[in-house]
Amino acid sequence: MVLHRTVSLNENRNPLELTDVAIPEPKPGEIQVRVSVCGVCHTEIDQIEGRITNMKLPVIPGHQVVGTVARLGEGTTRFNIGDRVGVAWIFSSCGHCKFCLRGRENLCHEFKATGMDVNGGYAEYMVVPEEFAHPIPGFFTDVEVAPLLCAGAIGYRSLRLAGITDGDRLGLTGFGASAHLVLKLVRYLYPKIEVWVFAREEKERRFALGLGAVWAGDTSEGAPKKMDAIIDTTPVWKPVVEALGNLERGGRLIINAIRKENRDQEYLQRLSYHDHLWMEKEIKSVANITRKDVLEFLDLAAKAQIKPEVQTFYLEDANRALLEIKEKHIKGAKVLKII
């Protein structure tokens, strides 16, 4: 499924085209992956609608890729043909800049993103540098593990950046693929933490309560208690402003979004220093993920037996899956079945 040009999904409901392309050959240091499944992410909507402006076009999207090694490029040693592997958002980095050397390869100026800077997993085959492919724990099926490679790993990074300790109150704004995995992870790592959920849709709030949230309200609702940290996973600005109002003194807001849409920027005009930022509140963004994030989260998820709630679609139905995310028909994660 190929994206040839950016377009509003409100104007074109089928922006990805089913196309025959040549099977990519692995270069030295790369492996060829025969894709079995690929998760669907809101980032693909940001790509389609042009909020990400520096991407390769045409491009095959998809960065939550699971498959088996089909061919080995010259000099590869990590995997054997037939091994099951995953490919995440981080496709490569330079490996020698100050960020890479300090374990912050997600900030590398030469960072390349799967499905944006290079072709991704909405296809039968893809290639990836072997150092940026991840072995998959046997506990998971291909469908179960796909969302963990992005929604799970970026949620894990968000949780680490939140700096919470057991017994704190954690807020989650938006309750889709990433947030529902964060809630499951929190219950495993921090059994004394209370998770409070802010979501626009009633079905999302019910979903959150069913997974163990102590409270669930509307995005604009003032919570009965203040949060020590809040993780925002929405594509818009309103929840950011509302979340800052629900933060405890010294609290931290983590914004887990690659882009924010412009349609509700008027909410930023409501931002008050006294009401939203004073008393040493912090705002921190999440930029990409590292290989360490992916590996640590996959290991934790297997130990905790964390599995996402998943809806599956065939590859040719990728446009429909994206539209359901755009139109907020969300419960857990969406995954494309390639083979």
Protein backbone atom coordinates (compact mmCIF):
# COMPACT_ATOMS: atom_id res chain seq x y z
CA MET A 1 0.00 0.00 0.00
CA VAL A 2 1.75 3.12 -1.30
CA LEU A 3 1.30 6.78 -0.39
CA HIS A 4 2.05 8.89 -3.48
CA ARG A 5 0.94 12.32 -2.25
CA THR A 6 -0.39 14.00 0.86
CA VAL A 7 -4.12 14.64 1.12
CA SER A 8 -6.83 15.25 3.70
CA LEU A 9 -8.61 12.05 4.68
CA ASN A 10 -11.80 14.10 4.74
CA GLU A 11 -11.37 14.66 0.99
CA ASN A 12 -9.84 11.34 -0.08
CA ARG A 13 -10.80 8.31 1.96
CA ASN A 14 -8.49 5.99 0.00
CA PRO A 15 -5.09 7.71 -0.05
CA LEU A 16 -3.05 4.49 -0.06
CA GLU A 17 -2.94 2.57 -3.35
CA LEU A 18 -2.49 -1.20 -3.65
CA THR A 19 0.49 -1.46 -5.98
CA ASP A 20 2.93 -4.09 -7.26
CA VAL A 21 6.53 -3.08 -6.57
CA ALA A 22 9.85 -4.88 -6.88
CA ILE A 23 10.90 -7.01 -3.91
CA PRO A 24 13.67 -5.03 -2.13
CA GLU A 25 17.09 -6.68 -2.05
CA PRO A 26 19.17 -6.49 1.14
CA LYS A 27 22.37 -4.45 0.98
CA PRO A 28 25.46 -5.37 3.03
CA GLY A 29 24.49 -5.30 6.70
CA GLU A 30 20.78 -5.58 5.96
CA ILE A 31 18.24 -8.39 6.17
CA GLN A 32 15.17 -8.92 4.02
CA VAL A 33 11.99 -9.51 6.02
CA ARG A 34 8.94 -11.31 4.71
CA VAL A 35 6.21 -9.38 6.51
CA SER A 36 3.38 -11.25 8.20
CA VAL A 37 1.65 -8.34 10.01
CA CYS A 38 2.04 -4.60 10.49
CA GLY A 39 0.42 -2.40 13.09
CA VAL A 40 -1.50 0.74 12.14
CA CYS A 41 -0.54 4.00 13.87
CA HIS A 42 -1.89 7.55 14.04
CA THR A 43 1.49 8.68 12.72
CA GLU A 44 0.46 7.31 9.33
CA ILE A 45 -2.47 9.76 9.38
CA ASP A 46 -0.02 12.60 10.12
CA GLN A 47 1.99 11.47 7.10
CA ILE A 48 -1.02 11.20 4.79
CA GLU A 49 -2.39 14.60 5.80
CA GLY A 50 0.94 16.36 5.43
CA ARG A 51 1.75 17.25 9.03
CA ILE A 52 5.04 15.40 8.54
CA THR A 53 6.69 17.38 5.79
CA ASN A 54 10.17 15.91 5.39
CA MET A 55 9.25 12.34 4.41
CA LYS A 56 10.09 10.35 1.32
CA LEU A 57 7.37 10.21 -1.37
CA PRO A 58 6.19 7.90 -2.70
CA VAL A 59 6.55 5.75 0.40
CA ILE A 60 5.23 2.48 1.81
CA PRO A 61 4.12 3.32 5.39
CA GLY A 62 4.17 1.06 8.42
CA HIS A 63 6.54 0.87 11.40
CA GLN A 64 5.14 -1.89 13.63
CA VAL A 65 6.39 -4.74 11.47
CA VAL A 66 6.62 -8.45 12.28
CA GLY A 67 7.86 -11.12 9.92
CA THR A 68 10.57 -13.69 9.23
CA VAL A 69 14.05 -13.27 7.82
CA ALA A 70 13.90 -14.23 4.14
CA ARG A 71 17.38 -13.22 2.92
CA LEU A 72 20.65 -12.14 4.49
CA GLY A 73 22.76 -9.29 3.16
CA GLU A 74 26.53 -9.60 2.96
CA GLY A 75 28.26 -9.50 6.34
CA THR A 76 25.18 -10.06 8.50
CA THR A 77 25.60 -12.28 11.57
CA ARG A 78 22.75 -11.61 14.05
CA PHE A 79 19.97 -13.64 12.44
CA ASN A 80 19.35 -16.79 10.46
CA ILE A 81 16.87 -17.29 7.65
CA GLY A 82 13.49 -18.10 9.18
CA ASP A 83 14.08 -16.16 12.41
CA ARG A 84 11.12 -14.10 13.58
CA VAL A 85 11.91 -10.39 13.86
CA GLY A 86 10.25 -7.05 14.45
CA VAL A 87 10.99 -3.64 12.98
CA ALA A 88 10.02 -0.48 14.88
CA TRP A 89 9.92 3.27 14.14
CA ILE A 90 13.71 3.57 14.45
CA PHE A 91 15.12 2.27 11.16
CA SER A 92 18.66 3.57 11.65
CA SER A 93 20.85 6.28 13.18
CA CYS A 94 24.42 7.37 12.55
CA GLY A 95 25.92 5.55 15.57
CA HIS A 96 28.70 8.06 16.22
CA CYS A 97 27.18 11.46 17.08
CA LYS A 98 26.95 12.71 20.69
CA PHE A 99 23.34 11.56 20.95
CA CYS A 100 24.02 8.03 19.69
CA LEU A 101 27.09 7.68 21.92
CA ARG A 102 25.02 8.71 24.97
CA GLY A 103 22.23 6.22 24.28
CA ARG A 104 19.92 8.91 22.86
CA GLU A 105 19.93 7.71 19.26
CA ASN A 106 16.30 8.83 19.01
CA LEU A 107 17.63 12.41 18.80
CA CYS A 108 20.27 11.69 16.13
CA HIS A 109 20.25 14.23 13.28
CA GLU A 110 20.55 11.29 10.86
CA PHE A 111 17.69 9.34 12.46
CA LYS A 112 15.68 7.49 9.82
CA ALA A 113 12.11 6.41 10.50
CA THR A 114 10.60 3.21 9.14
CA GLY A 115 7.75 3.87 6.75
CA MET A 116 8.60 7.58 6.50
CA ASP A 117 12.22 8.02 5.41
CA VAL A 118 12.36 4.48 3.97
CA ASN A 119 9.73 1.98 2.90
CA GLY A 120 7.98 0.21 5.75
CA GLY A 121 5.73 -2.72 6.52
CA TYR A 122 2.50 -2.13 4.58
CA ALA A 123 3.97 -4.62 2.11
CA GLU A 124 4.90 -8.26 1.68
CA TYR A 125 8.65 -7.58 1.97
CA MET A 126 10.96 -4.93 3.40
CA VAL A 127 14.64 -4.57 4.26
CA VAL A 128 16.23 -3.23 7.44
CA PRO A 129 19.76 -2.96 8.91
CA GLU A 130 20.21 -6.08 11.02
CA GLU A 131 21.21 -4.00 14.06
CA PHE A 132 17.80 -2.35 14.01
CA ALA A 133 15.75 -5.56 13.82
CA HIS A 134 14.47 -7.08 17.06
CA PRO A 135 14.08 -10.74 18.04
CA ILE A 136 10.50 -11.51 19.06
CA PRO A 137 9.77 -13.32 22.37
CA GLY A 138 8.05 -16.64 21.80
CA PHE A 139 5.23 -15.69 24.18
CA PHE A 140 3.57 -13.49 21.54
CA THR A 141 1.84 -14.24 18.27
CA ASP A 142 2.72 -11.96 15.36
CA VAL A 143 -0.57 -10.05 15.70
CA GLU A 144 -0.13 -9.59 19.45
CA VAL A 145 3.41 -8.27 19.26
CA ALA A 146 3.03 -5.78 16.39
CA PRO A 147 1.50 -2.94 18.49
CA LEU A 148 4.16 -3.43 21.14
CA LEU A 149 6.84 -2.27 18.68
CA CYS A 150 5.47 1.30 18.63
CA ALA A 151 2.45 1.89 20.85
CA GLY A 152 4.01 -0.25 23.56
CA ALA A 153 7.61 0.94 23.24
CA ILE A 154 6.72 4.64 23.00
CA GLY A 155 4.34 4.22 25.94
CA TYR A 156 7.18 2.63 27.91
CA ARG A 157 9.47 5.55 27.07
CA SER A 158 6.73 8.00 28.08
CA LEU A 159 6.33 6.21 31.41
CA ARG A 160 10.07 6.41 32.10
CA LEU A 161 10.16 10.11 31.22
CA ALA A 162 7.21 10.74 33.56
CA GLY A 163 9.49 9.94 36.51
CA ILE A 164 6.74 8.44 38.65
CA THR A 165 7.15 6.33 41.77
CA ASP A 166 4.84 3.72 43.27
CA GLY A 167 1.94 5.34 45.06
CA ASP A 168 1.72 8.36 42.73
CA ARG A 169 -1.33 9.29 40.70
CA LEU A 170 -0.85 8.94 36.94
CA GLY A 171 -3.19 10.46 34.39
CA LEU A 172 -3.62 9.20 30.83
CA THR A 173 -5.17 11.59 28.32
CA GLY A 174 -6.62 9.69 25.37
CA PHE A 175 -7.07 5.95 25.59
CA GLY A 176 -6.02 4.24 22.38
CA ALA A 177 -3.29 1.79 21.43
CA SER A 178 -0.48 3.29 23.50
CA ALA A 179 -2.37 4.37 26.63
CA HIS A 180 -4.08 1.02 27.19
CA LEU A 181 -0.67 -0.68 27.12
CA VAL A 182 0.74 1.89 29.56
CA LEU A 183 -2.10 1.10 31.96
CA LYS A 184 -1.32 -2.62 31.78
CA LEU A 185 2.39 -1.96 32.29
CA VAL A 186 1.78 0.35 35.26
CA ARG A 187 -0.32 -2.29 36.99
CA TYR A 188 2.63 -4.69 36.70
CA LEU A 189 5.48 -2.30 37.61
CA TYR A 190 3.73 -0.04 40.15
CA PRO A 191 0.84 -1.85 41.84
CA LYS A 192 0.16 1.07 44.22
CA ILE A 193 -0.20 3.71 41.51
CA GLU A 194 -3.68 5.00 40.75
CA VAL A 195 -4.35 5.48 37.03
CA TRP A 196 -6.87 8.15 36.07
CA VAL A 197 -8.05 8.35 32.46
CA PHE A 198 -9.32 11.33 30.46
CA ALA A 199 -11.03 10.35 27.21
CA ARG A 200 -13.57 11.96 24.91
CA GLU A 201 -15.56 8.80 24.10
CA GLU A 202 -17.70 6.97 26.65
CA LYS A 203 -16.64 3.59 25.23
CA GLU A 204 -12.98 4.50 25.80
CA ARG A 205 -13.75 5.41 29.40
CA ARG A 206 -15.54 2.10 29.95
CA PHE A 207 -12.61 0.30 28.37
CA ALA A 208 -10.19 2.04 30.75
CA LEU A 209 -12.24 1.19 33.84
CA GLY A 210 -12.42 -2.41 32.70
CA LEU A 211 -8.62 -2.54 32.56
CA GLY A 212 -8.22 -1.18 36.09
CA ALA A 213 -8.37 2.63 35.96
CA VAL A 214 -9.68 4.04 39.24
CA TRP A 215 -11.51 6.89 37.49
CA ALA A 216 -12.36 7.88 33.93
CA GLY A 217 -13.82 11.19 32.79
CA ASP A 218 -14.13 13.44 29.78
CA THR A 219 -11.04 15.22 28.46
CA SER A 220 -12.33 18.58 29.69
CA GLU A 221 -13.46 17.28 33.08
CA GLY A 222 -11.65 18.38 36.21
CA ALA A 223 -10.49 15.31 38.13
CA PRO A 224 -11.41 15.00 41.83
CA LYS A 225 -7.69 14.83 42.63
CA LYS A 226 -4.54 16.25 41.04
CA MET A 227 -2.12 14.02 39.10
CA ASP A 228 1.60 13.66 39.83
CA ALA A 229 2.17 13.00 36.13
CA ILE A 230 0.01 12.87 33.01
CA ILE A 231 0.81 11.23 29.67
CA ASP A 232 -0.96 12.77 26.69
CA THR A 233 -1.38 10.49 23.66
CA THR A 234 -3.81 12.61 21.64
CA PRO A 235 -3.21 14.40 18.30
CA VAL A 236 -4.78 17.71 19.42
CA TRP A 237 -4.14 20.66 21.78
CA LYS A 238 -7.21 20.76 24.00
CA PRO A 239 -6.12 17.78 26.16
CA VAL A 240 -2.71 19.40 26.73
CA VAL A 241 -4.22 22.54 28.25
CA GLU A 242 -6.77 20.55 30.26
CA ALA A 243 -4.07 18.17 31.51
CA LEU A 244 -1.94 21.02 32.83
CA GLY A 245 -4.92 22.12 34.90
CA ASN A 246 -5.15 18.64 36.41
CA LEU A 247 -1.47 18.44 37.39
CA GLU A 248 -0.29 18.49 40.98
CA ARG A 249 2.36 21.02 42.02
CA GLY A 250 5.71 19.86 40.64
CA GLY A 251 3.92 17.50 38.28
CA ARG A 252 5.07 16.58 34.79
CA LEU A 253 3.11 16.40 31.55
CA ILE A 254 4.54 14.03 28.92
CA ILE A 255 3.34 14.73 25.37
CA ASN A 256 3.52 11.50 23.40
CA ALA A 257 2.76 12.68 19.85
CA ILE A 258 4.92 13.14 16.79
CA ARG A 259 2.72 16.02 15.58
CA LYS A 260 -0.26 18.01 16.85
CA GLU A 261 -3.11 18.95 14.54
CA ASN A 262 -3.87 22.65 14.03
CA ARG A 263 -7.65 22.42 14.22
CA ASP A 264 -7.96 23.36 17.90
CA GLN A 265 -5.02 25.70 18.44
CA GLU A 266 -7.40 28.25 19.96
CA TYR A 267 -7.11 26.24 23.19
CA LEU A 268 -3.53 27.45 23.51
CA GLN A 269 -4.93 30.98 23.98
CA ARG A 270 -6.51 29.71 27.20
CA LEU A 271 -3.13 28.79 28.62
CA SER A 272 -2.60 30.68 31.86
CA TYR A 273 0.81 30.80 33.50
CA HIS A 274 -0.76 30.92 36.96
CA ASP A 275 -3.37 28.18 36.44
CA HIS A 276 -1.44 25.82 34.16
CA LEU A 277 2.33 26.23 34.56
CA TRP A 278 3.19 27.82 37.89
CA MET A 279 4.39 25.81 40.88
CA GLU A 280 7.21 24.08 38.98
CA LYS A 281 5.06 22.09 36.60
CA GLU A 282 6.98 20.58 33.67
CA ILE A 283 6.20 19.72 30.05
CA LYS A 284 8.32 17.16 28.22
CA SER A 285 7.87 15.77 24.71
CA VAL A 286 8.66 12.27 23.55
CA ALA A 287 10.76 12.11 20.38
CA ASN A 288 10.95 8.73 18.69
CA ILE A 289 12.27 5.63 20.45
CA THR A 290 15.61 3.89 20.88
CA ARG A 291 16.41 0.24 20.27
CA LYS A 292 16.81 -0.12 24.03
CA ASP A 293 13.21 1.05 24.55
CA VAL A 294 11.94 -1.67 22.21
CA LEU A 295 14.07 -4.48 23.64
CA GLU A 296 13.33 -3.60 27.27
CA PHE A 297 9.62 -3.25 26.67
CA LEU A 298 9.34 -6.53 24.75
CA ASP A 299 11.12 -8.30 27.61
CA LEU A 300 8.91 -6.63 30.24
CA ALA A 301 5.72 -7.33 28.29
CA ALA A 302 6.61 -11.01 27.97
CA LYS A 303 7.39 -11.29 31.70
CA ALA A 304 4.19 -9.47 32.65
CA GLN A 305 2.21 -11.32 29.96
CA ILE A 306 0.96 -8.00 28.60
CA LYS A 307 -0.99 -8.42 25.39
CA PRO A 308 -2.78 -5.63 23.54
CA GLU A 309 -6.43 -5.54 22.60
CA VAL A 310 -6.31 -5.90 18.80
CA GLN A 311 -8.53 -5.53 15.74
CA THR A 312 -7.21 -7.08 12.51
CA PHE A 313 -7.60 -6.00 8.88
CA TYR A 314 -6.26 -7.30 5.59
CA LEU A 315 -3.54 -5.26 3.86
CA GLU A 316 -5.92 -4.01 1.18
CA ASP A 317 -8.17 -2.61 3.95
CA ALA A 318 -5.44 -0.32 5.31
CA ASN A 319 -7.37 2.81 4.31
CA ARG A 320 -10.39 1.64 6.31
CA ALA A 321 -8.26 0.94 9.37
CA LEU A 322 -6.74 4.43 9.17
CA LEU A 323 -10.16 6.05 8.77
CA GLU A 324 -11.41 4.28 11.89
CA ILE A 325 -8.52 5.80 13.85
CA LYS A 326 -9.16 9.22 12.29
CA GLU A 327 -12.86 9.00 13.18
CA LYS A 328 -12.11 7.76 16.72
CA HIS A 329 -13.41 4.20 16.27
CA ILE A 330 -10.73 2.92 18.59
CA LYS A 331 -10.51 0.07 21.04
CA GLY A 332 -6.91 -0.99 21.56
CA ALA A 333 -4.72 -1.36 18.47
CA LYS A 334 -5.28 -2.12 14.78
CA VAL A 335 -3.11 -4.58 12.84
CA LEU A 336 -2.87 -5.41 9.13
CA LYS A 337 -2.48 -9.07 8.18
CA ILE A 338 -0.14 -9.26 5.21
CA ILE A 339 0.18 -13.04 4.70
